[in-house]
């Protein structure tokens, strides 16, 4: 009997530990703590997220703007999160990119997502817009606006609406996934500009 009680106690502790870890993960997601984000404002109205982020780059506007025009290079500069990123259509100032990405913050079954996005560049305005195409989880529309600073650096003002198609995740995890997706883009550009180190490569055994 004592042995059975001991086993039950261990199982209960294991479940409580798992629940605590999940709770902490959700709370961290809700805080949107990514270092790549200088300021953030996220709100949800009905089934739609409204997002405003800003990020700062220690590089001149033309270099930052150019780096953001090549989202297909994300697989090169953010391999820990982007498994595939390739151009499927390129016409004038518009290109369509297929991405297979991994979001560690999401639970099993949701971590890996396939996303097709259309990007349009407005060179004279230093602005880029993007929209998701037939994404199963949400309809996502984004705008990237780049502004120079007085000291020769760059500020990115990012606005996004994300209309959720499925409500299978708690709001904190939805919020965390949106933060992580944006932060991955900024991290990739910082690496492309030589402003952040590349991740260590792990040799195959």
N, C-alpha and C. Protein backbone atom coordinates (compact mmCIF):
# COMPACT_ATOMS: atom_id res chain seq x y z
N UNK A 1 0.83 -1.21 0.00
CA UNK A 1 0.00 0.00 0.00
C UNK A 1 0.87 1.27 0.00
N UNK A 2 1.94 1.23 0.83
CA UNK A 2 2.83 2.39 0.89
C UNK A 2 3.51 2.63 -0.46
N UNK A 3 3.85 1.52 -1.12
CA UNK A 3 4.48 1.65 -2.43
C UNK A 3 3.54 2.30 -3.42
N UNK A 4 2.27 1.92 -3.38
CA UNK A 4 1.27 2.50 -4.29
C UNK A 4 1.11 3.99 -4.01
N UNK A 5 1.03 4.36 -2.73
CA UNK A 5 0.89 5.77 -2.36
C UNK A 5 2.11 6.59 -2.82
N UNK A 6 3.28 5.97 -2.69
CA UNK A 6 4.49 6.66 -3.12
C UNK A 6 4.48 6.91 -4.62
N UNK A 7 4.03 5.92 -5.40
CA UNK A 7 3.95 6.07 -6.85
C UNK A 7 2.95 7.17 -7.23
N UNK A 8 1.80 7.16 -6.52
CA UNK A 8 0.78 8.18 -6.77
C UNK A 8 1.33 9.56 -6.46
N UNK A 9 2.06 9.67 -5.35
CA UNK A 9 2.63 10.96 -4.96
C UNK A 9 3.62 11.46 -6.01
N UNK A 10 4.44 10.56 -6.53
CA UNK A 10 5.40 10.94 -7.57
C UNK A 10 4.68 11.42 -8.83
N UNK A 11 3.62 10.69 -9.22
CA UNK A 11 2.85 11.07 -10.39
C UNK A 11 2.19 12.44 -10.22
N UNK A 12 1.65 12.67 -9.03
CA UNK A 12 1.01 13.96 -8.75
C UNK A 12 2.03 15.09 -8.84
N UNK A 13 3.22 14.87 -8.26
CA UNK A 13 4.27 15.88 -8.32
C UNK A 13 4.70 16.14 -9.76
N UNK A 14 4.78 15.07 -10.56
CA UNK A 14 5.18 15.23 -11.96
C UNK A 14 4.15 16.06 -12.72
N UNK A 15 2.86 15.78 -12.49
CA UNK A 15 1.80 16.53 -13.15
C UNK A 15 1.83 18.00 -12.72
N UNK A 16 1.99 18.23 -11.41
CA UNK A 16 2.05 19.61 -10.92
C UNK A 16 3.24 20.35 -11.51
N UNK A 17 4.37 19.65 -11.63
CA UNK A 17 5.56 20.26 -12.22
C UNK A 17 5.32 20.65 -13.67
N UNK A 18 4.68 19.75 -14.41
CA UNK A 18 4.38 20.02 -15.82
C UNK A 18 3.44 21.22 -15.95
N UNK A 19 2.41 21.25 -15.11
CA UNK A 19 1.44 22.35 -15.14
C UNK A 19 2.14 23.67 -14.82
N UNK A 20 3.04 23.65 -13.84
CA UNK A 20 3.76 24.87 -13.47
C UNK A 20 4.62 25.38 -14.62
N UNK A 21 5.32 24.45 -15.27
CA UNK A 21 6.18 24.84 -16.40
C UNK A 21 5.34 25.43 -17.52
N UNK A 22 4.19 24.79 -17.81
CA UNK A 22 3.31 25.31 -18.86
C UNK A 22 2.78 26.69 -18.50
N UNK A 23 2.44 26.88 -17.21
CA UNK A 23 1.93 28.17 -16.75
C UNK A 23 2.98 29.25 -16.94
N UNK A 24 4.23 28.94 -16.57
CA UNK A 24 5.31 29.90 -16.72
C UNK A 24 5.55 30.22 -18.20
N UNK A 25 5.44 29.21 -19.06
CA UNK A 25 5.61 29.42 -20.50
C UNK A 25 4.56 30.37 -21.04
N UNK A 26 3.32 30.17 -20.61
CA UNK A 26 2.22 31.02 -21.07
C UNK A 26 2.40 32.44 -20.57
N UNK A 27 2.81 32.59 -19.30
CA UNK A 27 3.02 33.93 -18.75
C UNK A 27 4.15 34.66 -19.47
N UNK A 28 5.21 33.92 -19.80
CA UNK A 28 6.32 34.52 -20.53
C UNK A 28 5.87 34.96 -21.92
N UNK A 29 5.04 34.13 -22.55
CA UNK A 29 4.53 34.47 -23.88
C UNK A 29 3.72 35.76 -23.82
N UNK A 30 2.90 35.90 -22.79
CA UNK A 30 2.04 37.07 -22.67
C UNK A 30 2.86 38.35 -22.47
N UNK A 31 4.06 38.22 -21.89
CA UNK A 31 4.89 39.39 -21.63
C UNK A 31 5.60 39.90 -22.87
N UNK A 32 5.70 39.09 -23.91
CA UNK A 32 6.38 39.46 -25.16
C UNK A 32 7.74 40.09 -24.87
N UNK A 33 8.65 39.31 -24.26
CA UNK A 33 9.89 39.89 -23.75
C UNK A 33 11.06 39.96 -24.74
N UNK A 34 10.83 39.68 -26.02
CA UNK A 34 11.94 39.58 -26.97
C UNK A 34 12.80 40.84 -26.98
N UNK A 35 14.11 40.65 -26.92
CA UNK A 35 15.04 41.79 -26.90
C UNK A 35 15.03 42.55 -28.23
N UNK A 36 14.57 41.91 -29.29
CA UNK A 36 14.52 42.56 -30.60
C UNK A 36 13.42 43.61 -30.69
N UNK A 37 12.52 43.64 -29.71
CA UNK A 37 11.38 44.55 -29.73
C UNK A 37 11.62 45.69 -28.74
N UNK A 38 11.70 46.93 -29.24
CA UNK A 38 11.93 48.08 -28.37
C UNK A 38 10.65 48.49 -27.65
N UNK A 39 9.56 48.58 -28.38
CA UNK A 39 8.26 48.89 -27.78
C UNK A 39 7.21 47.98 -28.42
N UNK A 40 6.17 47.69 -27.67
CA UNK A 40 5.11 46.81 -28.20
C UNK A 40 3.75 47.23 -27.66
N UNK A 41 2.75 47.03 -28.49
CA UNK A 41 1.37 47.25 -28.08
C UNK A 41 0.52 46.20 -28.80
N UNK A 42 -0.12 45.34 -28.04
CA UNK A 42 -0.92 44.26 -28.62
C UNK A 42 -2.30 44.26 -27.97
N UNK A 43 -3.33 44.25 -28.80
CA UNK A 43 -4.70 44.18 -28.29
C UNK A 43 -5.51 43.29 -29.21
N UNK A 44 -6.57 42.73 -28.67
CA UNK A 44 -7.42 41.85 -29.46
C UNK A 44 -8.85 42.34 -29.43
N UNK A 45 -9.44 42.46 -30.62
CA UNK A 45 -10.83 42.86 -30.76
C UNK A 45 -11.57 41.75 -31.49
N UNK A 46 -12.44 41.05 -30.79
CA UNK A 46 -13.11 39.90 -31.40
C UNK A 46 -12.10 38.83 -31.72
N UNK A 47 -11.97 38.47 -33.00
CA UNK A 47 -11.02 37.43 -33.40
C UNK A 47 -9.77 38.01 -34.06
N UNK A 48 -9.56 39.33 -33.91
CA UNK A 48 -8.45 39.99 -34.61
C UNK A 48 -7.47 40.65 -33.65
N UNK A 49 -6.19 40.31 -33.82
CA UNK A 49 -5.12 40.97 -33.07
C UNK A 49 -4.68 42.23 -33.81
N UNK A 50 -4.45 43.29 -33.04
CA UNK A 50 -3.91 44.53 -33.58
C UNK A 50 -2.56 44.76 -32.89
N UNK A 51 -1.50 44.84 -33.69
CA UNK A 51 -0.15 44.80 -33.16
C UNK A 51 0.66 45.99 -33.66
N UNK A 52 1.40 46.61 -32.75
CA UNK A 52 2.35 47.66 -33.10
C UNK A 52 3.65 47.38 -32.38
N UNK A 53 4.73 47.21 -33.13
CA UNK A 53 6.06 47.02 -32.56
C UNK A 53 7.00 48.09 -33.14
N UNK A 54 8.04 48.41 -32.39
CA UNK A 54 9.15 49.18 -32.95
C UNK A 54 10.44 48.46 -32.63
N UNK A 55 11.40 48.59 -33.52
CA UNK A 55 12.74 48.02 -33.32
C UNK A 55 13.77 49.03 -33.80
N UNK A 56 14.95 48.98 -33.18
CA UNK A 56 16.03 49.90 -33.56
C UNK A 56 17.22 49.11 -34.09
N UNK A 57 17.84 49.66 -35.13
CA UNK A 57 18.98 49.00 -35.76
C UNK A 57 20.17 49.95 -35.77
N UNK A 58 21.31 49.45 -35.39
CA UNK A 58 22.55 50.25 -35.41
C UNK A 58 23.16 50.22 -36.81
N UNK A 59 22.37 50.63 -37.79
CA UNK A 59 22.81 50.64 -39.18
C UNK A 59 21.99 51.68 -39.92
N UNK A 60 22.53 52.24 -41.02
CA UNK A 60 21.79 53.26 -41.78
C UNK A 60 20.56 52.68 -42.46
N UNK A 61 19.62 53.57 -42.74
CA UNK A 61 18.32 53.16 -43.27
C UNK A 61 18.45 52.34 -44.54
N UNK A 62 19.30 52.75 -45.50
CA UNK A 62 19.34 52.04 -46.78
C UNK A 62 19.75 50.58 -46.62
N UNK A 63 20.69 50.32 -45.69
CA UNK A 63 21.12 48.95 -45.48
C UNK A 63 20.04 48.11 -44.80
N UNK A 64 19.37 48.69 -43.82
CA UNK A 64 18.30 47.96 -43.12
C UNK A 64 17.14 47.69 -44.07
N UNK A 65 16.76 48.70 -44.83
CA UNK A 65 15.65 48.55 -45.77
C UNK A 65 15.96 47.48 -46.81
N UNK A 66 17.19 47.48 -47.32
CA UNK A 66 17.59 46.47 -48.30
C UNK A 66 17.54 45.07 -47.70
N UNK A 67 18.01 44.91 -46.46
CA UNK A 67 18.03 43.59 -45.83
C UNK A 67 16.61 43.03 -45.67
N UNK A 68 15.66 43.89 -45.36
CA UNK A 68 14.27 43.44 -45.18
C UNK A 68 13.61 43.08 -46.51
N UNK A 69 14.22 43.47 -47.63
CA UNK A 69 13.65 43.14 -48.93
C UNK A 69 13.99 41.72 -49.38
N UNK A 70 14.70 40.97 -48.54
CA UNK A 70 15.09 39.61 -48.90
C UNK A 70 14.69 38.62 -47.81
N UNK A 71 13.37 38.50 -47.56
CA UNK A 71 12.91 37.58 -46.51
C UNK A 71 13.24 36.12 -46.81
N UNK A 72 13.53 35.81 -48.07
CA UNK A 72 13.89 34.43 -48.41
C UNK A 72 15.22 34.02 -47.78
N UNK A 73 16.01 34.97 -47.30
CA UNK A 73 17.29 34.64 -46.69
C UNK A 73 17.15 34.30 -45.20
N UNK A 74 15.92 34.28 -44.71
CA UNK A 74 15.69 33.96 -43.30
C UNK A 74 16.22 32.57 -42.94
N UNK A 75 16.14 31.63 -43.87
CA UNK A 75 16.63 30.28 -43.59
C UNK A 75 18.14 30.29 -43.39
N UNK A 76 18.82 31.25 -43.96
CA UNK A 76 20.27 31.39 -43.80
C UNK A 76 20.64 32.04 -42.48
N UNK A 77 19.84 33.06 -42.09
CA UNK A 77 20.21 33.85 -40.92
C UNK A 77 19.43 33.52 -39.65
N UNK A 78 18.39 32.72 -39.75
CA UNK A 78 17.65 32.29 -38.55
C UNK A 78 17.33 30.80 -38.66
N UNK A 79 18.35 29.95 -38.84
CA UNK A 79 18.10 28.52 -39.07
C UNK A 79 17.47 27.80 -37.88
N UNK A 80 17.58 28.38 -36.69
CA UNK A 80 16.97 27.74 -35.53
C UNK A 80 15.46 27.84 -35.54
N UNK A 81 14.92 28.78 -36.33
CA UNK A 81 13.47 28.96 -36.42
C UNK A 81 12.90 28.77 -37.82
N UNK A 82 13.74 28.93 -38.84
CA UNK A 82 13.25 28.83 -40.22
C UNK A 82 13.89 27.62 -40.89
N UNK A 83 13.06 26.66 -41.26
CA UNK A 83 13.53 25.41 -41.85
C UNK A 83 13.56 25.49 -43.38
N UNK A 84 12.73 26.37 -43.93
CA UNK A 84 12.67 26.54 -45.38
C UNK A 84 12.19 27.96 -45.66
N UNK A 85 12.78 28.61 -46.67
CA UNK A 85 12.35 29.95 -47.07
C UNK A 85 12.79 30.17 -48.50
N UNK A 86 11.82 30.19 -49.41
CA UNK A 86 12.18 30.30 -50.82
C UNK A 86 11.17 31.13 -51.60
N UNK A 87 11.66 31.78 -52.65
CA UNK A 87 10.81 32.59 -53.52
C UNK A 87 10.05 31.68 -54.48
N UNK A 88 8.74 31.84 -54.53
CA UNK A 88 7.93 31.06 -55.48
C UNK A 88 7.39 31.94 -56.60
N UNK A 89 7.48 33.28 -56.40
CA UNK A 89 7.03 34.20 -57.44
C UNK A 89 7.70 35.54 -57.21
N UNK A 90 8.19 36.17 -58.28
CA UNK A 90 8.88 37.46 -58.16
C UNK A 90 8.53 38.31 -59.36
N UNK A 91 7.73 39.35 -59.13
CA UNK A 91 7.28 40.23 -60.22
C UNK A 91 7.40 41.68 -59.78
N UNK A 92 8.32 42.42 -60.40
CA UNK A 92 8.48 43.83 -60.07
C UNK A 92 8.84 44.02 -58.61
N UNK A 93 8.02 44.80 -57.90
CA UNK A 93 8.27 45.08 -56.49
C UNK A 93 7.56 44.12 -55.55
N UNK A 94 7.01 43.03 -56.11
CA UNK A 94 6.26 42.07 -55.30
C UNK A 94 6.87 40.67 -55.44
N UNK A 95 7.06 40.02 -54.30
CA UNK A 95 7.54 38.64 -54.34
C UNK A 95 6.75 37.82 -53.32
N UNK A 96 6.59 36.54 -53.64
CA UNK A 96 5.87 35.62 -52.77
C UNK A 96 6.86 34.59 -52.23
N UNK A 97 6.82 34.39 -50.92
CA UNK A 97 7.78 33.52 -50.24
C UNK A 97 7.05 32.39 -49.53
N UNK A 98 7.56 31.18 -49.69
CA UNK A 98 7.08 30.04 -48.91
C UNK A 98 8.04 29.80 -47.75
N UNK A 99 7.50 29.73 -46.54
CA UNK A 99 8.32 29.52 -45.35
C UNK A 99 7.78 28.34 -44.55
N UNK A 100 8.69 27.51 -44.08
CA UNK A 100 8.36 26.51 -43.06
C UNK A 100 9.11 26.95 -41.81
N UNK A 101 8.35 27.35 -40.80
CA UNK A 101 8.96 27.89 -39.59
C UNK A 101 8.61 27.08 -38.36
N UNK A 102 9.46 27.21 -37.36
CA UNK A 102 9.27 26.51 -36.09
C UNK A 102 9.18 27.54 -34.97
N UNK A 103 8.09 27.48 -34.21
CA UNK A 103 7.89 28.37 -33.07
C UNK A 103 7.95 27.54 -31.80
N UNK A 104 9.05 27.67 -31.07
CA UNK A 104 9.25 26.84 -29.88
C UNK A 104 8.23 27.10 -28.80
N UNK A 105 7.63 28.27 -28.81
CA UNK A 105 6.69 28.63 -27.77
C UNK A 105 5.38 27.86 -27.87
N UNK A 106 5.10 27.30 -29.04
CA UNK A 106 3.82 26.61 -29.25
C UNK A 106 3.89 25.15 -28.83
N UNK A 107 2.74 24.56 -28.50
CA UNK A 107 2.71 23.15 -28.07
C UNK A 107 2.90 22.21 -29.25
N UNK A 108 3.20 20.94 -28.98
CA UNK A 108 3.34 19.95 -30.06
C UNK A 108 2.10 19.96 -30.96
N UNK A 109 2.34 19.79 -32.25
CA UNK A 109 1.25 19.84 -33.21
C UNK A 109 1.08 21.21 -33.84
N UNK A 110 1.64 22.24 -33.18
CA UNK A 110 1.55 23.61 -33.69
C UNK A 110 2.92 24.22 -33.94
N UNK A 111 3.98 23.60 -33.43
CA UNK A 111 5.31 24.20 -33.49
C UNK A 111 5.76 24.50 -34.91
N UNK A 112 5.51 23.59 -35.84
CA UNK A 112 5.95 23.77 -37.22
C UNK A 112 4.76 24.24 -38.07
N UNK A 113 4.95 25.38 -38.75
CA UNK A 113 3.89 25.94 -39.57
C UNK A 113 4.41 26.25 -40.97
N UNK A 114 3.53 26.04 -41.96
CA UNK A 114 3.82 26.40 -43.35
C UNK A 114 3.08 27.70 -43.68
N UNK A 115 3.82 28.69 -44.16
CA UNK A 115 3.22 29.99 -44.41
C UNK A 115 3.69 30.56 -45.74
N UNK A 116 2.74 30.93 -46.59
CA UNK A 116 3.05 31.63 -47.84
C UNK A 116 2.67 33.09 -47.66
N UNK A 117 3.63 33.98 -47.96
CA UNK A 117 3.43 35.41 -47.74
C UNK A 117 3.83 36.21 -48.98
N UNK A 118 3.02 37.20 -49.30
CA UNK A 118 3.32 38.09 -50.42
C UNK A 118 3.82 39.42 -49.88
N UNK A 119 5.02 39.83 -50.34
CA UNK A 119 5.64 41.08 -49.92
C UNK A 119 5.65 42.08 -51.07
N UNK A 120 5.32 43.33 -50.77
CA UNK A 120 5.38 44.40 -51.76
C UNK A 120 6.23 45.53 -51.20
N UNK A 121 7.22 45.96 -51.98
CA UNK A 121 8.17 46.99 -51.57
C UNK A 121 7.80 48.33 -52.21
N UNK A 122 7.82 49.40 -51.41
CA UNK A 122 7.58 50.76 -51.88
C UNK A 122 8.86 51.56 -51.62
N UNK A 123 9.81 51.53 -52.56
CA UNK A 123 11.13 52.12 -52.34
C UNK A 123 11.10 53.60 -51.96
N UNK A 124 10.27 54.39 -52.64
CA UNK A 124 10.24 55.84 -52.39
C UNK A 124 9.73 56.18 -50.99
N UNK A 125 8.97 55.25 -50.40
CA UNK A 125 8.38 55.49 -49.08
C UNK A 125 9.14 54.75 -47.96
N UNK A 126 10.15 53.98 -48.34
CA UNK A 126 10.86 53.12 -47.38
C UNK A 126 9.83 52.32 -46.57
N UNK A 127 9.00 51.62 -47.31
CA UNK A 127 7.89 50.88 -46.71
C UNK A 127 7.73 49.54 -47.41
N UNK A 128 7.35 48.53 -46.62
CA UNK A 128 7.06 47.19 -47.15
C UNK A 128 5.74 46.72 -46.56
N UNK A 129 4.89 46.14 -47.40
CA UNK A 129 3.68 45.51 -46.87
C UNK A 129 3.73 44.02 -47.15
N UNK A 130 3.02 43.26 -46.35
CA UNK A 130 2.94 41.82 -46.58
C UNK A 130 1.56 41.30 -46.20
N UNK A 131 1.18 40.19 -46.82
CA UNK A 131 -0.08 39.55 -46.46
C UNK A 131 0.07 38.05 -46.64
N UNK A 132 -0.55 37.32 -45.72
CA UNK A 132 -0.51 35.86 -45.81
C UNK A 132 -1.45 35.39 -46.91
N UNK A 133 -1.13 34.23 -47.48
CA UNK A 133 -1.95 33.65 -48.54
C UNK A 133 -2.40 32.26 -48.11
N UNK A 134 -3.70 32.12 -47.91
CA UNK A 134 -4.30 30.82 -47.58
C UNK A 134 -3.64 30.16 -46.37
N UNK A 135 -3.29 30.95 -45.35
CA UNK A 135 -2.73 30.39 -44.12
C UNK A 135 -3.87 29.83 -43.27
N UNK A 136 -3.72 28.61 -42.78
CA UNK A 136 -4.83 27.91 -42.13
C UNK A 136 -5.19 28.49 -40.76
N UNK A 137 -4.25 29.18 -40.10
CA UNK A 137 -4.52 29.67 -38.76
C UNK A 137 -5.04 31.10 -38.70
N UNK A 138 -4.65 31.93 -39.67
CA UNK A 138 -5.03 33.35 -39.59
C UNK A 138 -4.84 34.04 -40.93
N UNK A 139 -5.53 35.18 -41.09
CA UNK A 139 -5.27 36.10 -42.19
C UNK A 139 -4.43 37.23 -41.62
N UNK A 140 -3.21 37.40 -42.12
CA UNK A 140 -2.25 38.32 -41.53
C UNK A 140 -1.85 39.40 -42.54
N UNK A 141 -2.02 40.66 -42.15
CA UNK A 141 -1.61 41.79 -42.97
C UNK A 141 -0.64 42.65 -42.15
N UNK A 142 0.51 42.98 -42.75
CA UNK A 142 1.55 43.70 -42.02
C UNK A 142 2.09 44.87 -42.83
N UNK A 143 2.63 45.85 -42.10
CA UNK A 143 3.30 46.99 -42.73
C UNK A 143 4.58 47.30 -41.96
N UNK A 144 5.68 47.47 -42.72
CA UNK A 144 6.98 47.82 -42.16
C UNK A 144 7.34 49.22 -42.67
N UNK A 145 7.54 50.16 -41.76
CA UNK A 145 7.93 51.52 -42.14
C UNK A 145 9.28 51.84 -41.50
N UNK A 146 10.22 52.30 -42.32
CA UNK A 146 11.58 52.54 -41.86
C UNK A 146 11.88 54.03 -41.83
N UNK A 147 12.46 54.48 -40.72
CA UNK A 147 12.78 55.90 -40.56
C UNK A 147 14.21 56.05 -40.07
N UNK A 148 14.94 57.04 -40.60
CA UNK A 148 16.30 57.28 -40.13
C UNK A 148 16.27 58.06 -38.81
N UNK A 149 17.31 57.88 -38.02
CA UNK A 149 17.46 58.67 -36.80
C UNK A 149 18.53 59.73 -37.02
N UNK A 150 18.59 60.68 -36.11
CA UNK A 150 19.54 61.78 -36.25
C UNK A 150 20.99 61.31 -36.19
N UNK A 151 21.22 60.17 -35.53
CA UNK A 151 22.60 59.67 -35.40
C UNK A 151 22.95 58.61 -36.45
N UNK A 152 22.16 58.54 -37.54
CA UNK A 152 22.50 57.65 -38.64
C UNK A 152 22.05 56.22 -38.48
N UNK A 153 21.16 55.96 -37.55
CA UNK A 153 20.64 54.61 -37.34
C UNK A 153 19.21 54.52 -37.90
N UNK A 154 18.52 53.44 -37.60
CA UNK A 154 17.20 53.21 -38.22
C UNK A 154 16.18 52.71 -37.20
N UNK A 155 14.98 53.21 -37.33
CA UNK A 155 13.85 52.73 -36.52
C UNK A 155 12.85 52.07 -37.46
N UNK A 156 12.41 50.89 -37.09
CA UNK A 156 11.35 50.19 -37.82
C UNK A 156 10.05 50.30 -37.02
N UNK A 157 9.01 50.79 -37.70
CA UNK A 157 7.68 50.82 -37.11
C UNK A 157 6.83 49.76 -37.82
N UNK A 158 6.40 48.78 -37.06
CA UNK A 158 5.70 47.62 -37.61
C UNK A 158 4.27 47.59 -37.11
N UNK A 159 3.33 47.45 -38.05
CA UNK A 159 1.91 47.32 -37.70
C UNK A 159 1.35 46.06 -38.35
N UNK A 160 0.50 45.38 -37.62
CA UNK A 160 -0.04 44.12 -38.14
C UNK A 160 -1.45 43.88 -37.60
N UNK A 161 -2.30 43.31 -38.46
CA UNK A 161 -3.56 42.74 -38.01
C UNK A 161 -3.53 41.25 -38.32
N UNK A 162 -3.98 40.46 -37.38
CA UNK A 162 -4.00 39.02 -37.54
C UNK A 162 -5.37 38.49 -37.15
N UNK A 163 -6.16 38.15 -38.15
CA UNK A 163 -7.52 37.66 -37.92
C UNK A 163 -7.48 36.14 -37.76
N UNK A 164 -7.74 35.67 -36.56
CA UNK A 164 -7.63 34.25 -36.25
C UNK A 164 -8.74 33.43 -36.91
N UNK A 165 -8.36 32.32 -37.53
CA UNK A 165 -9.34 31.43 -38.15
C UNK A 165 -9.70 30.27 -37.22
N UNK A 166 -8.79 29.94 -36.30
CA UNK A 166 -9.01 28.84 -35.39
C UNK A 166 -8.69 29.30 -33.98
N UNK A 167 -9.51 28.92 -33.02
CA UNK A 167 -9.31 29.33 -31.63
C UNK A 167 -8.89 28.13 -30.78
N UNK A 168 -7.80 27.46 -31.20
CA UNK A 168 -7.35 26.27 -30.48
C UNK A 168 -6.25 26.55 -29.46
N UNK A 169 -5.74 27.80 -29.47
CA UNK A 169 -4.68 28.17 -28.54
C UNK A 169 -5.17 29.26 -27.60
N UNK A 170 -4.70 29.23 -26.35
CA UNK A 170 -5.05 30.30 -25.42
C UNK A 170 -4.45 31.60 -25.94
N UNK A 171 -5.05 32.73 -25.55
CA UNK A 171 -4.64 34.02 -26.11
C UNK A 171 -3.18 34.33 -25.82
N UNK A 172 -2.68 33.96 -24.65
CA UNK A 172 -1.29 34.27 -24.32
C UNK A 172 -0.33 33.58 -25.29
N UNK A 173 -0.65 32.36 -25.71
CA UNK A 173 0.21 31.66 -26.67
C UNK A 173 0.07 32.25 -28.07
N UNK A 174 -1.13 32.68 -28.43
CA UNK A 174 -1.28 33.39 -29.71
C UNK A 174 -0.41 34.64 -29.71
N UNK A 175 -0.47 35.37 -28.61
CA UNK A 175 0.32 36.59 -28.47
C UNK A 175 1.81 36.30 -28.55
N UNK A 176 2.23 35.26 -27.85
CA UNK A 176 3.64 34.88 -27.86
C UNK A 176 4.11 34.46 -29.23
N UNK A 177 3.26 33.74 -29.98
CA UNK A 177 3.64 33.30 -31.33
C UNK A 177 3.81 34.49 -32.26
N UNK A 178 2.93 35.49 -32.14
CA UNK A 178 3.05 36.69 -32.97
C UNK A 178 4.32 37.47 -32.64
N UNK A 179 4.65 37.55 -31.36
CA UNK A 179 5.89 38.21 -30.95
C UNK A 179 7.11 37.47 -31.47
N UNK A 180 7.10 36.14 -31.32
CA UNK A 180 8.26 35.35 -31.71
C UNK A 180 8.48 35.40 -33.22
N UNK A 181 7.39 35.40 -33.99
CA UNK A 181 7.52 35.47 -35.45
C UNK A 181 8.17 36.78 -35.87
N UNK A 182 7.72 37.89 -35.28
CA UNK A 182 8.31 39.19 -35.61
C UNK A 182 9.77 39.26 -35.15
N UNK A 183 10.04 38.83 -33.93
CA UNK A 183 11.40 38.88 -33.39
C UNK A 183 12.37 38.07 -34.24
N UNK A 184 11.90 36.96 -34.80
CA UNK A 184 12.74 36.14 -35.67
C UNK A 184 13.16 36.92 -36.91
N UNK A 185 12.24 37.69 -37.49
CA UNK A 185 12.57 38.50 -38.66
C UNK A 185 13.64 39.55 -38.32
N UNK A 186 13.46 40.21 -37.18
CA UNK A 186 14.41 41.24 -36.77
C UNK A 186 15.78 40.62 -36.48
N UNK A 187 15.77 39.48 -35.82
CA UNK A 187 17.02 38.78 -35.49
C UNK A 187 17.76 38.39 -36.78
N UNK A 188 17.04 37.90 -37.76
CA UNK A 188 17.65 37.51 -39.03
C UNK A 188 18.30 38.70 -39.72
N UNK A 189 17.62 39.85 -39.71
CA UNK A 189 18.17 41.04 -40.35
C UNK A 189 19.39 41.55 -39.58
N UNK A 190 19.33 41.54 -38.26
CA UNK A 190 20.50 41.94 -37.47
C UNK A 190 21.72 41.08 -37.80
N UNK A 191 21.50 39.79 -38.00
CA UNK A 191 22.60 38.90 -38.36
C UNK A 191 23.09 39.18 -39.78
N UNK A 192 22.15 39.45 -40.68
CA UNK A 192 22.53 39.75 -42.06
C UNK A 192 23.38 41.02 -42.12
N UNK A 193 23.13 41.95 -41.21
CA UNK A 193 23.87 43.21 -41.16
C UNK A 193 25.14 43.11 -40.33
N UNK A 194 25.36 41.95 -39.73
CA UNK A 194 26.54 41.78 -38.89
C UNK A 194 26.41 42.42 -37.52
N UNK A 195 25.17 42.67 -37.09
CA UNK A 195 24.92 43.31 -35.80
C UNK A 195 24.66 42.32 -34.68
N UNK A 196 24.49 41.05 -35.02
CA UNK A 196 24.24 40.02 -34.03
C UNK A 196 24.94 38.74 -34.48
N UNK A 197 25.40 37.92 -33.53
CA UNK A 197 26.12 36.70 -33.90
C UNK A 197 25.20 35.64 -34.46
N UNK A 198 25.73 34.84 -35.35
CA UNK A 198 24.99 33.69 -35.85
C UNK A 198 24.95 32.60 -34.78
N UNK A 199 23.92 31.74 -34.81
CA UNK A 199 23.87 30.65 -33.83
C UNK A 199 24.98 29.66 -34.05
N UNK A 200 25.41 29.02 -32.99
CA UNK A 200 26.46 28.01 -33.11
C UNK A 200 25.97 26.82 -33.91
N UNK A 201 26.84 26.31 -34.77
CA UNK A 201 26.50 25.12 -35.56
C UNK A 201 26.85 23.90 -34.75
N UNK A 202 25.91 22.94 -34.73
CA UNK A 202 26.13 21.70 -34.00
C UNK A 202 26.55 20.62 -35.00
N UNK A 203 27.73 20.08 -34.78
CA UNK A 203 28.24 19.05 -35.68
C UNK A 203 27.45 17.76 -35.51
N UNK A 204 27.14 17.12 -36.63
CA UNK A 204 26.44 15.83 -36.58
C UNK A 204 27.37 14.77 -36.02
N UNK A 205 26.85 13.95 -35.14
CA UNK A 205 27.67 12.90 -34.53
C UNK A 205 27.66 11.66 -35.39
